[in-house]
N, C-alpha and C. Protein backbone atom coordinates (compact mmCIF):
# COMPACT_ATOMS: atom_id res chain seq x y z
N ASN A 1 -127.60 -61.92 66.37
CA ASN A 1 -127.70 -60.39 66.69
C ASN A 1 -127.78 -60.22 68.29
N HIS A 2 -127.16 -59.29 68.50
CA HIS A 2 -126.92 -59.09 69.79
C HIS A 2 -128.75 -58.32 70.59
N PRO A 3 -128.69 -58.19 71.93
CA PRO A 3 -129.91 -57.59 72.90
C PRO A 3 -130.28 -56.28 71.85
N SER A 4 -131.58 -55.91 71.46
CA SER A 4 -131.41 -54.07 70.96
C SER A 4 -133.00 -53.85 71.37
N ASP A 5 -133.58 -52.62 71.07
CA ASP A 5 -135.12 -52.42 71.95
C ASP A 5 -136.33 -53.17 70.96
N THR A 6 -135.80 -53.78 69.41
CA THR A 6 -136.59 -54.71 68.88
C THR A 6 -136.57 -56.06 69.53
N ASN A 7 -135.84 -56.00 69.73
CA ASN A 7 -134.94 -57.33 70.08
C ASN A 7 -134.71 -57.66 71.63
N PRO A 8 -135.33 -57.68 73.08
CA PRO A 8 -134.37 -57.23 74.27
C PRO A 8 -133.53 -58.86 74.45
N HIS A 9 -133.79 -59.74 74.05
CA HIS A 9 -133.20 -61.62 74.37
C HIS A 9 -131.70 -61.60 73.42
N GLY A 10 -132.28 -61.30 71.83
CA GLY A 10 -131.27 -61.47 71.00
C GLY A 10 -131.68 -62.35 70.33
N THR A 11 -131.44 -62.59 69.44
CA THR A 11 -131.71 -64.20 67.92
C THR A 11 -131.18 -65.46 68.97
N ASP A 12 -131.78 -66.32 68.39
CA ASP A 12 -131.87 -67.58 69.01
C ASP A 12 -129.80 -67.80 69.13
N GLU A 13 -129.62 -67.16 67.75
CA GLU A 13 -128.26 -67.54 67.51
C GLU A 13 -127.09 -67.29 68.97
N TYR A 14 -127.58 -66.05 68.87
CA TYR A 14 -126.79 -65.08 70.00
C TYR A 14 -126.54 -65.91 71.21
N ARG A 15 -128.21 -66.08 71.73
CA ARG A 15 -127.90 -66.70 72.85
C ARG A 15 -127.09 -68.31 73.26
N HIS A 16 -127.53 -69.05 71.88
CA HIS A 16 -126.84 -70.58 71.46
C HIS A 16 -125.34 -69.43 71.92
N ALA A 17 -124.30 -68.84 71.06
CA ALA A 17 -123.58 -68.64 71.13
C ALA A 17 -123.19 -68.08 72.48
N GLN A 18 -123.70 -67.23 73.68
CA GLN A 18 -123.70 -67.29 75.28
C GLN A 18 -123.23 -68.52 76.13
N SER A 19 -124.37 -69.35 75.41
CA SER A 19 -124.34 -70.35 76.06
C SER A 19 -122.55 -71.09 75.71
N LEU A 20 -122.34 -71.30 74.82
CA LEU A 20 -121.76 -72.08 74.51
C LEU A 20 -119.91 -70.77 74.60
N LYS A 21 -119.69 -69.78 75.24
CA LYS A 21 -118.71 -68.64 75.30
C LYS A 21 -119.47 -69.38 76.79
N LYS A 22 -119.83 -69.80 77.97
CA LYS A 22 -120.32 -69.46 79.16
C LYS A 22 -119.91 -71.27 79.58
N GLN A 23 -120.14 -71.56 78.49
CA GLN A 23 -119.34 -73.66 79.33
C GLN A 23 -118.33 -73.39 78.75
N TYR A 24 -116.87 -72.74 77.89
CA TYR A 24 -115.71 -72.42 77.49
C TYR A 24 -115.52 -71.70 78.34
N GLY A 25 -115.87 -70.54 79.35
CA GLY A 25 -115.21 -69.82 79.96
C GLY A 25 -114.43 -68.79 78.83
N LEU A 26 -114.87 -68.37 78.11
CA LEU A 26 -114.70 -67.72 76.59
C LEU A 26 -115.33 -66.00 77.70
N SER A 27 -113.96 -64.88 77.03
CA SER A 27 -114.43 -64.13 77.61
C SER A 27 -115.20 -62.93 76.54
N ASN A 28 -115.40 -63.40 75.83
CA ASN A 28 -116.57 -63.02 74.16
C ASN A 28 -117.17 -63.87 73.56
N VAL A 29 -117.97 -63.48 72.98
CA VAL A 29 -118.94 -64.09 72.21
C VAL A 29 -118.19 -64.33 70.39
N ARG A 30 -116.94 -62.86 70.73
CA ARG A 30 -116.36 -63.23 69.22
C ARG A 30 -115.63 -64.68 69.47
N GLN A 31 -115.33 -64.56 70.37
CA GLN A 31 -114.17 -65.64 70.00
C GLN A 31 -114.99 -67.16 69.64
N VAL A 32 -115.99 -67.38 70.43
CA VAL A 32 -117.54 -68.83 69.92
C VAL A 32 -117.36 -68.48 68.47
N VAL A 33 -117.84 -67.34 67.75
CA VAL A 33 -117.68 -66.86 66.30
C VAL A 33 -116.58 -67.02 65.51
N SER A 34 -115.34 -67.57 66.44
CA SER A 34 -113.87 -67.16 65.65
C SER A 34 -113.66 -68.67 65.51
N MET A 35 -113.86 -69.40 66.65
CA MET A 35 -113.89 -71.44 66.75
C MET A 35 -115.28 -71.53 65.52
N TYR A 36 -116.05 -71.11 64.93
CA TYR A 36 -116.94 -72.05 63.99
C TYR A 36 -116.72 -71.78 63.06
N MET A 37 -115.73 -70.21 62.34
CA MET A 37 -115.66 -70.01 61.50
C MET A 37 -115.27 -71.13 60.66
N ASP A 38 -115.70 -70.82 59.22
CA ASP A 38 -114.97 -71.81 57.80
C ASP A 38 -114.00 -70.69 57.33
N GLU A 39 -113.89 -70.80 56.32
CA GLU A 39 -112.59 -69.64 55.59
C GLU A 39 -113.62 -69.55 54.44
N ASP A 40 -114.48 -69.29 53.82
CA ASP A 40 -115.68 -68.94 53.56
C ASP A 40 -116.49 -67.61 54.66
N GLY A 41 -116.26 -67.65 56.02
CA GLY A 41 -116.73 -66.95 56.85
C GLY A 41 -118.22 -67.51 57.16
N LYS A 42 -118.44 -69.03 57.30
CA LYS A 42 -119.51 -69.17 57.32
C LYS A 42 -119.77 -69.97 59.05
N VAL A 43 -120.50 -69.36 59.93
CA VAL A 43 -120.17 -69.43 61.10
C VAL A 43 -121.33 -70.89 61.42
N THR A 44 -121.04 -72.14 61.82
CA THR A 44 -122.03 -72.87 62.06
C THR A 44 -121.71 -73.20 63.71
N LEU A 45 -122.61 -73.02 64.10
CA LEU A 45 -122.92 -72.94 66.09
C LEU A 45 -122.92 -75.16 66.27
N PRO A 46 -122.10 -75.86 66.94
CA PRO A 46 -122.70 -77.36 67.30
C PRO A 46 -124.08 -77.57 67.48
N GLY A 47 -124.98 -78.32 66.72
CA GLY A 47 -126.32 -78.44 67.49
C GLY A 47 -127.29 -77.64 66.36
N GLU A 48 -126.49 -77.25 65.42
CA GLU A 48 -126.92 -76.70 63.86
C GLU A 48 -126.87 -78.37 62.89
N ALA A 49 -127.59 -77.55 62.27
CA ALA A 49 -127.52 -79.45 60.74
C ALA A 49 -126.54 -79.39 60.65
N SER A 50 -125.31 -79.09 59.73
CA SER A 50 -123.88 -79.61 59.91
C SER A 50 -122.93 -79.34 60.83
N GLY A 51 -123.25 -78.58 62.00
CA GLY A 51 -122.15 -78.95 62.77
C GLY A 51 -122.17 -78.75 64.26
N THR A 52 -122.46 -80.09 64.37
CA THR A 52 -122.59 -81.43 64.99
C THR A 52 -121.45 -81.45 66.17
N ASN A 53 -119.83 -81.39 65.72
CA ASN A 53 -118.79 -81.27 66.48
C ASN A 53 -117.98 -80.38 66.89
N VAL A 54 -118.62 -80.67 68.55
CA VAL A 54 -118.03 -79.33 69.72
C VAL A 54 -116.64 -80.04 69.84
N PRO A 55 -115.44 -79.58 69.79
CA PRO A 55 -114.04 -79.35 70.43
C PRO A 55 -114.52 -79.33 72.10
N THR A 56 -113.67 -80.29 72.35
CA THR A 56 -113.46 -80.36 73.92
C THR A 56 -112.48 -79.15 74.95
N LYS A 57 -111.70 -79.42 73.89
CA LYS A 57 -111.17 -77.65 74.61
C LYS A 57 -110.67 -76.72 73.35
N PRO A 58 -111.63 -75.92 73.03
CA PRO A 58 -111.40 -74.82 72.03
C PRO A 58 -110.03 -73.57 72.09
N ASP A 59 -109.23 -73.54 70.76
CA ASP A 59 -108.29 -73.40 70.38
C ASP A 59 -108.89 -72.03 70.38
N THR A 60 -108.69 -70.45 71.49
CA THR A 60 -109.20 -69.27 71.47
C THR A 60 -108.26 -68.38 70.63
N PRO A 61 -108.96 -67.74 69.21
CA PRO A 61 -108.47 -67.46 68.75
C PRO A 61 -108.31 -65.71 70.23
N ASN A 62 -106.61 -64.77 69.81
CA ASN A 62 -107.37 -62.91 69.82
C ASN A 62 -108.17 -62.86 68.97
N PRO A 63 -109.10 -62.30 69.93
CA PRO A 63 -109.76 -61.74 68.90
C PRO A 63 -109.75 -60.30 68.38
N GLY A 64 -108.47 -59.78 68.62
CA GLY A 64 -107.86 -58.37 68.34
C GLY A 64 -106.91 -58.63 66.77
N GLU A 65 -106.71 -59.86 66.13
CA GLU A 65 -106.38 -59.88 65.18
C GLU A 65 -107.23 -60.74 64.25
N GLY A 66 -107.73 -59.50 63.40
CA GLY A 66 -108.40 -59.36 61.76
C GLY A 66 -109.53 -59.88 62.02
N ASN A 67 -110.34 -59.86 63.19
CA ASN A 67 -112.01 -60.76 63.03
C ASN A 67 -112.69 -59.48 63.44
N GLU A 68 -112.27 -57.78 63.38
CA GLU A 68 -112.63 -56.75 63.61
C GLU A 68 -114.39 -56.65 63.06
N ASP A 69 -114.17 -57.54 61.73
CA ASP A 69 -115.76 -57.13 61.71
C ASP A 69 -116.34 -58.48 61.69
N VAL A 70 -116.82 -59.04 62.89
CA VAL A 70 -117.09 -60.49 63.09
C VAL A 70 -118.65 -60.22 63.88
């Protein structure tokens, strides 16, 4: 979750996604989420238990195509 009044820095997962966004030069976190989402809608960021593969060049989907609920 993004920063809020109760959590001014956001969750650990959000900060990790922000770090990946910066690393890959992406324009928003939604692109990071789309990169690591499986067919069932589960997101596993690199460095988490089952998500250790980091793509060298991300295939960045258009965040406006079908990912409005992410």
